[in-house]
Amino acid sequence: MTATWLIALAGGVLIGLSATLLLWLNGRIAGISGILDGALAQRSGDTGWRFAFLAGLVVAAGLYMALVPGAPQPRTDLPRGLLVAAGLLVGFGTRMGNGCTSGHGVCGLGRLSARSLAAVATFMATAIATTFLVRHVWGVA
């Protein structure tokens, strides 16, 4: 059985490689929220690569779950209202922070951006506090 750390390392390498290639070959930052926003805005001549990138994310995750024995599966036991609220809060935070975890955490930190360091510190602290509240205070596992 493959070690969990090896799978995590491979995933990190693939994320870093894809972000680097997108910057080198396309001159674009691999911030998923920005890519999605640009795809939905449908600016002329700028949507093809965005839809391909987003489709690649979905297809790769689906293939991984389908083909790798023991791959983590999506949870189906969480309250739908809680998931919708969480999604809206993440979207709000992404707009407020002018980017998402991939844009700031992967690409921004890699470019030594002080703004990205502040954003990453903020969303990591928020994630830790939220996890503590949801699991230990409200009892949702």
N, C-alpha and C. Protein backbone atom coordinates (compact mmCIF):
# COMPACT_ATOMS: atom_id res chain seq x y z
N MET A 1 0.84 -1.19 0.00
CA MET A 1 0.00 0.00 0.00
C MET A 1 0.88 1.25 0.00
N THR A 2 0.53 2.21 -0.82
CA THR A 2 1.29 3.44 -0.93
C THR A 2 1.08 4.29 0.31
N ALA A 3 2.16 4.87 0.78
CA ALA A 3 2.09 5.71 1.98
C ALA A 3 1.30 6.98 1.70
N THR A 4 0.54 7.42 2.68
CA THR A 4 -0.26 8.63 2.55
C THR A 4 0.61 9.84 2.23
N TRP A 5 1.77 9.91 2.85
CA TRP A 5 2.64 11.06 2.62
C TRP A 5 3.12 11.10 1.17
N LEU A 6 3.28 9.94 0.56
CA LEU A 6 3.73 9.89 -0.83
C LEU A 6 2.64 10.41 -1.78
N ILE A 7 1.39 10.07 -1.50
CA ILE A 7 0.28 10.58 -2.30
C ILE A 7 0.17 12.09 -2.12
N ALA A 8 0.30 12.57 -0.89
CA ALA A 8 0.24 14.01 -0.63
C ALA A 8 1.38 14.73 -1.34
N LEU A 9 2.57 14.15 -1.30
CA LEU A 9 3.73 14.74 -1.98
C LEU A 9 3.48 14.81 -3.49
N ALA A 10 2.98 13.73 -4.06
CA ALA A 10 2.70 13.71 -5.50
C ALA A 10 1.66 14.77 -5.85
N GLY A 11 0.62 14.89 -5.03
CA GLY A 11 -0.40 15.92 -5.28
C GLY A 11 0.18 17.31 -5.22
N GLY A 12 1.02 17.56 -4.23
CA GLY A 12 1.65 18.88 -4.10
C GLY A 12 2.55 19.20 -5.28
N VAL A 13 3.30 18.20 -5.73
CA VAL A 13 4.17 18.40 -6.89
C VAL A 13 3.34 18.70 -8.14
N LEU A 14 2.24 17.98 -8.33
CA LEU A 14 1.38 18.22 -9.49
C LEU A 14 0.73 19.60 -9.45
N ILE A 15 0.30 20.03 -8.25
CA ILE A 15 -0.28 21.37 -8.12
C ILE A 15 0.78 22.44 -8.44
N GLY A 16 1.96 22.28 -7.87
CA GLY A 16 3.03 23.24 -8.14
C GLY A 16 3.45 23.26 -9.60
N LEU A 17 3.53 22.09 -10.21
CA LEU A 17 3.90 22.00 -11.62
C LEU A 17 2.84 22.65 -12.51
N SER A 18 1.57 22.38 -12.22
CA SER A 18 0.51 22.97 -13.05
C SER A 18 0.48 24.48 -12.90
N ALA A 19 0.67 24.98 -11.67
CA ALA A 19 0.69 26.43 -11.45
C ALA A 19 1.87 27.07 -12.18
N THR A 20 3.02 26.42 -12.13
CA THR A 20 4.22 26.93 -12.80
C THR A 20 4.03 26.93 -14.31
N LEU A 21 3.50 25.83 -14.86
CA LEU A 21 3.30 25.75 -16.30
C LEU A 21 2.28 26.77 -16.79
N LEU A 22 1.21 26.98 -16.02
CA LEU A 22 0.21 27.97 -16.42
C LEU A 22 0.83 29.36 -16.46
N LEU A 23 1.68 29.67 -15.50
CA LEU A 23 2.34 30.98 -15.48
C LEU A 23 3.34 31.10 -16.63
N TRP A 24 4.17 30.09 -16.82
CA TRP A 24 5.18 30.14 -17.88
C TRP A 24 4.57 30.13 -19.28
N LEU A 25 3.60 29.28 -19.50
CA LEU A 25 3.07 29.09 -20.85
C LEU A 25 1.93 30.04 -21.20
N ASN A 26 1.21 30.51 -20.18
CA ASN A 26 0.03 31.31 -20.44
C ASN A 26 0.11 32.71 -19.82
N GLY A 27 1.09 32.90 -18.94
CA GLY A 27 1.21 34.18 -18.26
C GLY A 27 0.10 34.44 -17.25
N ARG A 28 -0.53 33.37 -16.77
CA ARG A 28 -1.66 33.48 -15.85
C ARG A 28 -1.36 32.86 -14.50
N ILE A 29 -1.98 33.41 -13.47
CA ILE A 29 -1.86 32.88 -12.12
C ILE A 29 -2.93 31.82 -11.93
N ALA A 30 -2.59 30.70 -11.32
CA ALA A 30 -3.52 29.58 -11.13
C ALA A 30 -4.38 29.78 -9.89
N GLY A 31 -5.08 30.89 -9.82
CA GLY A 31 -6.06 31.12 -8.76
C GLY A 31 -7.41 30.65 -9.25
N ILE A 32 -7.95 29.63 -8.64
CA ILE A 32 -9.16 29.01 -9.15
C ILE A 32 -10.33 29.98 -9.18
N SER A 33 -10.48 30.81 -8.15
CA SER A 33 -11.60 31.76 -8.15
C SER A 33 -11.49 32.74 -9.30
N GLY A 34 -10.30 33.19 -9.61
CA GLY A 34 -10.11 34.10 -10.75
C GLY A 34 -10.35 33.40 -12.08
N ILE A 35 -9.94 32.15 -12.17
CA ILE A 35 -10.17 31.39 -13.40
C ILE A 35 -11.67 31.18 -13.61
N LEU A 36 -12.38 30.81 -12.54
CA LEU A 36 -13.83 30.62 -12.63
C LEU A 36 -14.53 31.92 -12.96
N ASP A 37 -14.14 33.01 -12.31
CA ASP A 37 -14.75 34.31 -12.57
C ASP A 37 -14.57 34.70 -14.03
N GLY A 38 -13.37 34.50 -14.55
CA GLY A 38 -13.11 34.83 -15.96
C GLY A 38 -13.89 33.94 -16.92
N ALA A 39 -14.10 32.68 -16.55
CA ALA A 39 -14.88 31.77 -17.40
C ALA A 39 -16.34 32.20 -17.42
N LEU A 40 -16.87 32.60 -16.28
CA LEU A 40 -18.27 33.01 -16.21
C LEU A 40 -18.50 34.37 -16.86
N ALA A 41 -17.49 35.25 -16.83
CA ALA A 41 -17.61 36.57 -17.46
C ALA A 41 -17.58 36.45 -18.98
N GLN A 42 -17.02 35.38 -19.49
CA GLN A 42 -16.94 35.07 -20.92
C GLN A 42 -16.40 36.22 -21.74
N ARG A 43 -15.19 36.62 -21.42
CA ARG A 43 -14.50 37.61 -22.24
C ARG A 43 -14.04 36.94 -23.53
N SER A 44 -14.15 37.63 -24.60
CA SER A 44 -13.85 37.07 -25.92
C SER A 44 -12.41 36.56 -25.99
N GLY A 45 -12.27 35.31 -26.42
CA GLY A 45 -10.95 34.71 -26.63
C GLY A 45 -10.23 34.29 -25.37
N ASP A 46 -10.88 34.42 -24.22
CA ASP A 46 -10.18 34.13 -22.97
C ASP A 46 -10.87 33.04 -22.16
N THR A 47 -11.81 32.32 -22.75
CA THR A 47 -12.55 31.34 -21.95
C THR A 47 -12.12 29.90 -22.20
N GLY A 48 -11.57 29.61 -23.35
CA GLY A 48 -11.22 28.22 -23.68
C GLY A 48 -10.29 27.58 -22.66
N TRP A 49 -9.18 28.22 -22.37
CA TRP A 49 -8.22 27.65 -21.43
C TRP A 49 -8.81 27.57 -20.02
N ARG A 50 -9.69 28.53 -19.68
CA ARG A 50 -10.30 28.54 -18.35
C ARG A 50 -11.22 27.33 -18.17
N PHE A 51 -12.09 27.08 -19.16
CA PHE A 51 -12.98 25.93 -19.07
C PHE A 51 -12.19 24.62 -19.10
N ALA A 52 -11.11 24.57 -19.89
CA ALA A 52 -10.28 23.37 -19.93
C ALA A 52 -9.62 23.12 -18.57
N PHE A 53 -9.13 24.18 -17.94
CA PHE A 53 -8.50 24.06 -16.63
C PHE A 53 -9.50 23.57 -15.59
N LEU A 54 -10.69 24.17 -15.57
CA LEU A 54 -11.73 23.78 -14.61
C LEU A 54 -12.22 22.36 -14.86
N ALA A 55 -12.39 22.00 -16.12
CA ALA A 55 -12.81 20.62 -16.45
C ALA A 55 -11.73 19.63 -16.01
N GLY A 56 -10.47 20.00 -16.18
CA GLY A 56 -9.38 19.13 -15.74
C GLY A 56 -9.40 18.88 -14.24
N LEU A 57 -9.76 19.89 -13.47
CA LEU A 57 -9.87 19.72 -12.02
C LEU A 57 -10.94 18.69 -11.67
N VAL A 58 -12.10 18.83 -12.30
CA VAL A 58 -13.22 17.94 -12.00
C VAL A 58 -12.94 16.52 -12.50
N VAL A 59 -12.45 16.40 -13.73
CA VAL A 59 -12.19 15.09 -14.32
C VAL A 59 -11.09 14.37 -13.55
N ALA A 60 -10.01 15.07 -13.20
CA ALA A 60 -8.91 14.43 -12.47
C ALA A 60 -9.37 13.93 -11.11
N ALA A 61 -10.17 14.72 -10.41
CA ALA A 61 -10.68 14.28 -9.10
C ALA A 61 -11.58 13.07 -9.26
N GLY A 62 -12.44 13.09 -10.27
CA GLY A 62 -13.33 11.96 -10.52
C GLY A 62 -12.57 10.69 -10.86
N LEU A 63 -11.57 10.82 -11.71
CA LEU A 63 -10.75 9.66 -12.06
C LEU A 63 -10.00 9.11 -10.85
N TYR A 64 -9.48 10.00 -10.03
CA TYR A 64 -8.78 9.56 -8.84
C TYR A 64 -9.70 8.76 -7.93
N MET A 65 -10.90 9.30 -7.68
CA MET A 65 -11.85 8.60 -6.80
C MET A 65 -12.30 7.27 -7.40
N ALA A 66 -12.41 7.22 -8.73
CA ALA A 66 -12.89 6.01 -9.38
C ALA A 66 -11.82 4.93 -9.51
N LEU A 67 -10.58 5.34 -9.70
CA LEU A 67 -9.54 4.38 -10.04
C LEU A 67 -8.58 4.01 -8.92
N VAL A 68 -8.50 4.82 -7.88
CA VAL A 68 -7.56 4.54 -6.80
C VAL A 68 -8.31 3.87 -5.65
N PRO A 69 -7.96 2.63 -5.37
CA PRO A 69 -8.64 1.94 -4.25
C PRO A 69 -8.40 2.67 -2.93
N GLY A 70 -9.46 2.86 -2.18
CA GLY A 70 -9.36 3.52 -0.89
C GLY A 70 -9.27 5.04 -0.96
N ALA A 71 -9.47 5.61 -2.15
CA ALA A 71 -9.42 7.07 -2.27
C ALA A 71 -10.57 7.69 -1.46
N PRO A 72 -10.32 8.82 -0.82
CA PRO A 72 -11.39 9.46 -0.06
C PRO A 72 -12.57 9.80 -0.96
N GLN A 73 -13.76 9.60 -0.45
CA GLN A 73 -14.99 9.88 -1.18
C GLN A 73 -15.67 11.10 -0.56
N PRO A 74 -16.47 11.82 -1.35
CA PRO A 74 -17.19 12.96 -0.79
C PRO A 74 -18.15 12.52 0.32
N ARG A 75 -18.26 13.36 1.34
CA ARG A 75 -19.19 13.07 2.43
C ARG A 75 -20.60 13.43 2.00
N THR A 76 -21.55 12.61 2.41
CA THR A 76 -22.95 12.87 2.07
C THR A 76 -23.81 13.04 3.32
N ASP A 77 -23.18 13.02 4.50
CA ASP A 77 -23.95 13.05 5.74
C ASP A 77 -23.99 14.42 6.41
N LEU A 78 -23.52 15.45 5.74
CA LEU A 78 -23.54 16.79 6.33
C LEU A 78 -24.83 17.51 5.95
N PRO A 79 -25.34 18.37 6.82
CA PRO A 79 -26.58 19.11 6.52
C PRO A 79 -26.39 20.01 5.30
N ARG A 80 -27.31 19.95 4.37
CA ARG A 80 -27.22 20.73 3.13
C ARG A 80 -27.16 22.23 3.41
N GLY A 81 -27.97 22.70 4.34
CA GLY A 81 -27.96 24.12 4.67
C GLY A 81 -26.60 24.59 5.16
N LEU A 82 -25.95 23.76 5.95
CA LEU A 82 -24.61 24.10 6.44
C LEU A 82 -23.62 24.17 5.29
N LEU A 83 -23.73 23.26 4.34
CA LEU A 83 -22.84 23.27 3.18
C LEU A 83 -23.05 24.51 2.32
N VAL A 84 -24.31 24.89 2.12
CA VAL A 84 -24.61 26.09 1.33
C VAL A 84 -24.07 27.33 2.04
N ALA A 85 -24.30 27.42 3.35
CA ALA A 85 -23.78 28.57 4.11
C ALA A 85 -22.26 28.62 4.05
N ALA A 86 -21.62 27.47 4.18
CA ALA A 86 -20.15 27.42 4.11
C ALA A 86 -19.66 27.87 2.74
N GLY A 87 -20.32 27.40 1.69
CA GLY A 87 -19.93 27.80 0.34
C GLY A 87 -20.07 29.29 0.11
N LEU A 88 -21.16 29.87 0.60
CA LEU A 88 -21.36 31.31 0.47
C LEU A 88 -20.31 32.10 1.25
N LEU A 89 -19.99 31.63 2.44
CA LEU A 89 -18.97 32.31 3.24
C LEU A 89 -17.59 32.22 2.59
N VAL A 90 -17.28 31.08 2.00
CA VAL A 90 -16.00 30.93 1.29
C VAL A 90 -15.96 31.89 0.10
N GLY A 91 -17.05 31.95 -0.66
CA GLY A 91 -17.11 32.87 -1.80
C GLY A 91 -16.97 34.32 -1.37
N PHE A 92 -17.63 34.69 -0.27
CA PHE A 92 -17.52 36.04 0.27
C PHE A 92 -16.08 36.34 0.68
N GLY A 93 -15.46 35.39 1.39
CA GLY A 93 -14.07 35.57 1.81
C GLY A 93 -13.11 35.68 0.64
N THR A 94 -13.38 34.91 -0.40
CA THR A 94 -12.54 34.96 -1.59
C THR A 94 -12.61 36.33 -2.24
N ARG A 95 -13.80 36.90 -2.30
CA ARG A 95 -13.95 38.25 -2.86
C ARG A 95 -13.28 39.29 -1.97
N MET A 96 -13.48 39.16 -0.66
CA MET A 96 -12.86 40.12 0.27
C MET A 96 -11.35 40.06 0.23
N GLY A 97 -10.82 38.83 0.14
CA GLY A 97 -9.37 38.64 0.13
C GLY A 97 -8.74 38.81 -1.23
N ASN A 98 -9.56 39.11 -2.23
CA ASN A 98 -9.07 39.32 -3.59
C ASN A 98 -8.32 38.10 -4.11
N GLY A 99 -8.84 36.91 -3.78
CA GLY A 99 -8.23 35.68 -4.27
C GLY A 99 -8.52 34.53 -3.33
N CYS A 100 -8.18 33.34 -3.78
CA CYS A 100 -8.51 32.13 -3.03
C CYS A 100 -7.23 31.45 -2.53
N THR A 101 -7.42 30.30 -1.94
CA THR A 101 -6.28 29.57 -1.37
C THR A 101 -5.25 29.22 -2.44
N SER A 102 -5.70 28.87 -3.61
CA SER A 102 -4.73 28.51 -4.66
C SER A 102 -3.98 29.74 -5.16
N GLY A 103 -4.69 30.83 -5.36
CA GLY A 103 -4.02 32.03 -5.84
C GLY A 103 -3.04 32.60 -4.84
N HIS A 104 -3.48 32.72 -3.58
CA HIS A 104 -2.61 33.28 -2.54
C HIS A 104 -1.65 32.23 -1.99
N GLY A 105 -2.17 31.06 -1.64
CA GLY A 105 -1.37 30.05 -0.95
C GLY A 105 -0.34 29.37 -1.81
N VAL A 106 -0.70 29.04 -3.03
CA VAL A 106 0.24 28.35 -3.91
C VAL A 106 1.06 29.35 -4.71
N CYS A 107 0.37 30.23 -5.42
CA CYS A 107 1.07 31.14 -6.32
C CYS A 107 1.64 32.37 -5.63
N GLY A 108 0.85 32.99 -4.75
CA GLY A 108 1.31 34.21 -4.09
C GLY A 108 2.49 33.98 -3.16
N LEU A 109 2.41 32.93 -2.34
CA LEU A 109 3.54 32.64 -1.44
C LEU A 109 4.78 32.25 -2.23
N GLY A 110 4.56 31.54 -3.35
CA GLY A 110 5.69 31.16 -4.21
C GLY A 110 6.39 32.38 -4.80
N ARG A 111 5.65 33.48 -4.94
CA ARG A 111 6.23 34.73 -5.46
C ARG A 111 6.65 35.67 -4.34
N LEU A 112 6.59 35.18 -3.09
CA LEU A 112 6.98 35.95 -1.90
C LEU A 112 6.15 37.22 -1.72
N SER A 113 4.85 37.13 -2.01
CA SER A 113 3.95 38.28 -1.88
C SER A 113 3.54 38.46 -0.42
N ALA A 114 3.78 39.66 0.12
CA ALA A 114 3.39 39.98 1.50
C ALA A 114 1.86 39.96 1.63
N ARG A 115 1.16 40.43 0.61
CA ARG A 115 -0.29 40.42 0.63
C ARG A 115 -0.83 38.99 0.71
N SER A 116 -0.19 38.08 -0.02
CA SER A 116 -0.61 36.68 0.01
C SER A 116 -0.30 36.04 1.36
N LEU A 117 0.82 36.43 1.97
CA LEU A 117 1.15 35.90 3.30
C LEU A 117 0.07 36.32 4.31
N ALA A 118 -0.36 37.58 4.24
CA ALA A 118 -1.42 38.05 5.13
C ALA A 118 -2.73 37.31 4.85
N ALA A 119 -3.04 37.08 3.58
CA ALA A 119 -4.27 36.37 3.22
C ALA A 119 -4.23 34.93 3.71
N VAL A 120 -3.10 34.25 3.52
CA VAL A 120 -2.97 32.86 3.96
C VAL A 120 -3.07 32.77 5.47
N ALA A 121 -2.42 33.66 6.19
CA ALA A 121 -2.52 33.65 7.65
C ALA A 121 -3.97 33.86 8.10
N THR A 122 -4.69 34.73 7.40
CA THR A 122 -6.09 35.00 7.75
C THR A 122 -6.96 33.79 7.48
N PHE A 123 -6.86 33.19 6.29
CA PHE A 123 -7.77 32.07 6.03
C PHE A 123 -7.37 30.81 6.77
N MET A 124 -6.12 30.65 7.12
CA MET A 124 -5.73 29.49 7.95
C MET A 124 -6.27 29.65 9.37
N ALA A 125 -6.15 30.86 9.93
CA ALA A 125 -6.70 31.10 11.27
C ALA A 125 -8.21 30.92 11.28
N THR A 126 -8.87 31.39 10.22
CA THR A 126 -10.32 31.24 10.12
C THR A 126 -10.70 29.77 9.99
N ALA A 127 -9.95 29.01 9.21
CA ALA A 127 -10.23 27.58 9.04
C ALA A 127 -10.05 26.82 10.34
N ILE A 128 -9.02 27.15 11.08
CA ILE A 128 -8.77 26.48 12.37
C ILE A 128 -9.90 26.80 13.35
N ALA A 129 -10.28 28.06 13.42
CA ALA A 129 -11.37 28.46 14.33
C ALA A 129 -12.69 27.82 13.92
N THR A 130 -12.97 27.79 12.63
CA THR A 130 -14.21 27.19 12.14
C THR A 130 -14.25 25.70 12.44
N THR A 131 -13.15 25.01 12.19
CA THR A 131 -13.09 23.57 12.47
C THR A 131 -13.31 23.30 13.95
N PHE A 132 -12.69 24.10 14.80
CA PHE A 132 -12.87 23.93 16.24
C PHE A 132 -14.35 24.11 16.62
N LEU A 133 -14.95 25.19 16.12
CA LEU A 133 -16.36 25.45 16.45
C LEU A 133 -17.28 24.33 15.95
N VAL A 134 -17.12 23.95 14.70
CA VAL A 134 -18.02 22.96 14.10
C VAL A 134 -17.86 21.60 14.79
N ARG A 135 -16.64 21.18 15.02
CA ARG A 135 -16.42 19.84 15.59
C ARG A 135 -16.58 19.77 17.09
N HIS A 136 -16.04 20.75 17.80
CA HIS A 136 -15.97 20.64 19.26
C HIS A 136 -17.05 21.41 20.01
N VAL A 137 -17.57 22.46 19.40
CA VAL A 137 -18.61 23.24 20.07
C VAL A 137 -19.99 22.80 19.60
N TRP A 138 -20.16 22.68 18.26
CA TRP A 138 -21.48 22.30 17.73
C TRP A 138 -21.62 20.79 17.57
N GLY A 139 -20.53 20.05 17.64
CA GLY A 139 -20.59 18.59 17.60
C GLY A 139 -20.86 17.96 16.25
N VAL A 140 -20.62 18.69 15.15
CA VAL A 140 -20.78 18.10 13.82
C VAL A 140 -19.45 17.44 13.45
N ALA A 141 -19.47 16.12 13.23
CA ALA A 141 -18.21 15.40 12.96
C ALA A 141 -17.86 15.42 11.51
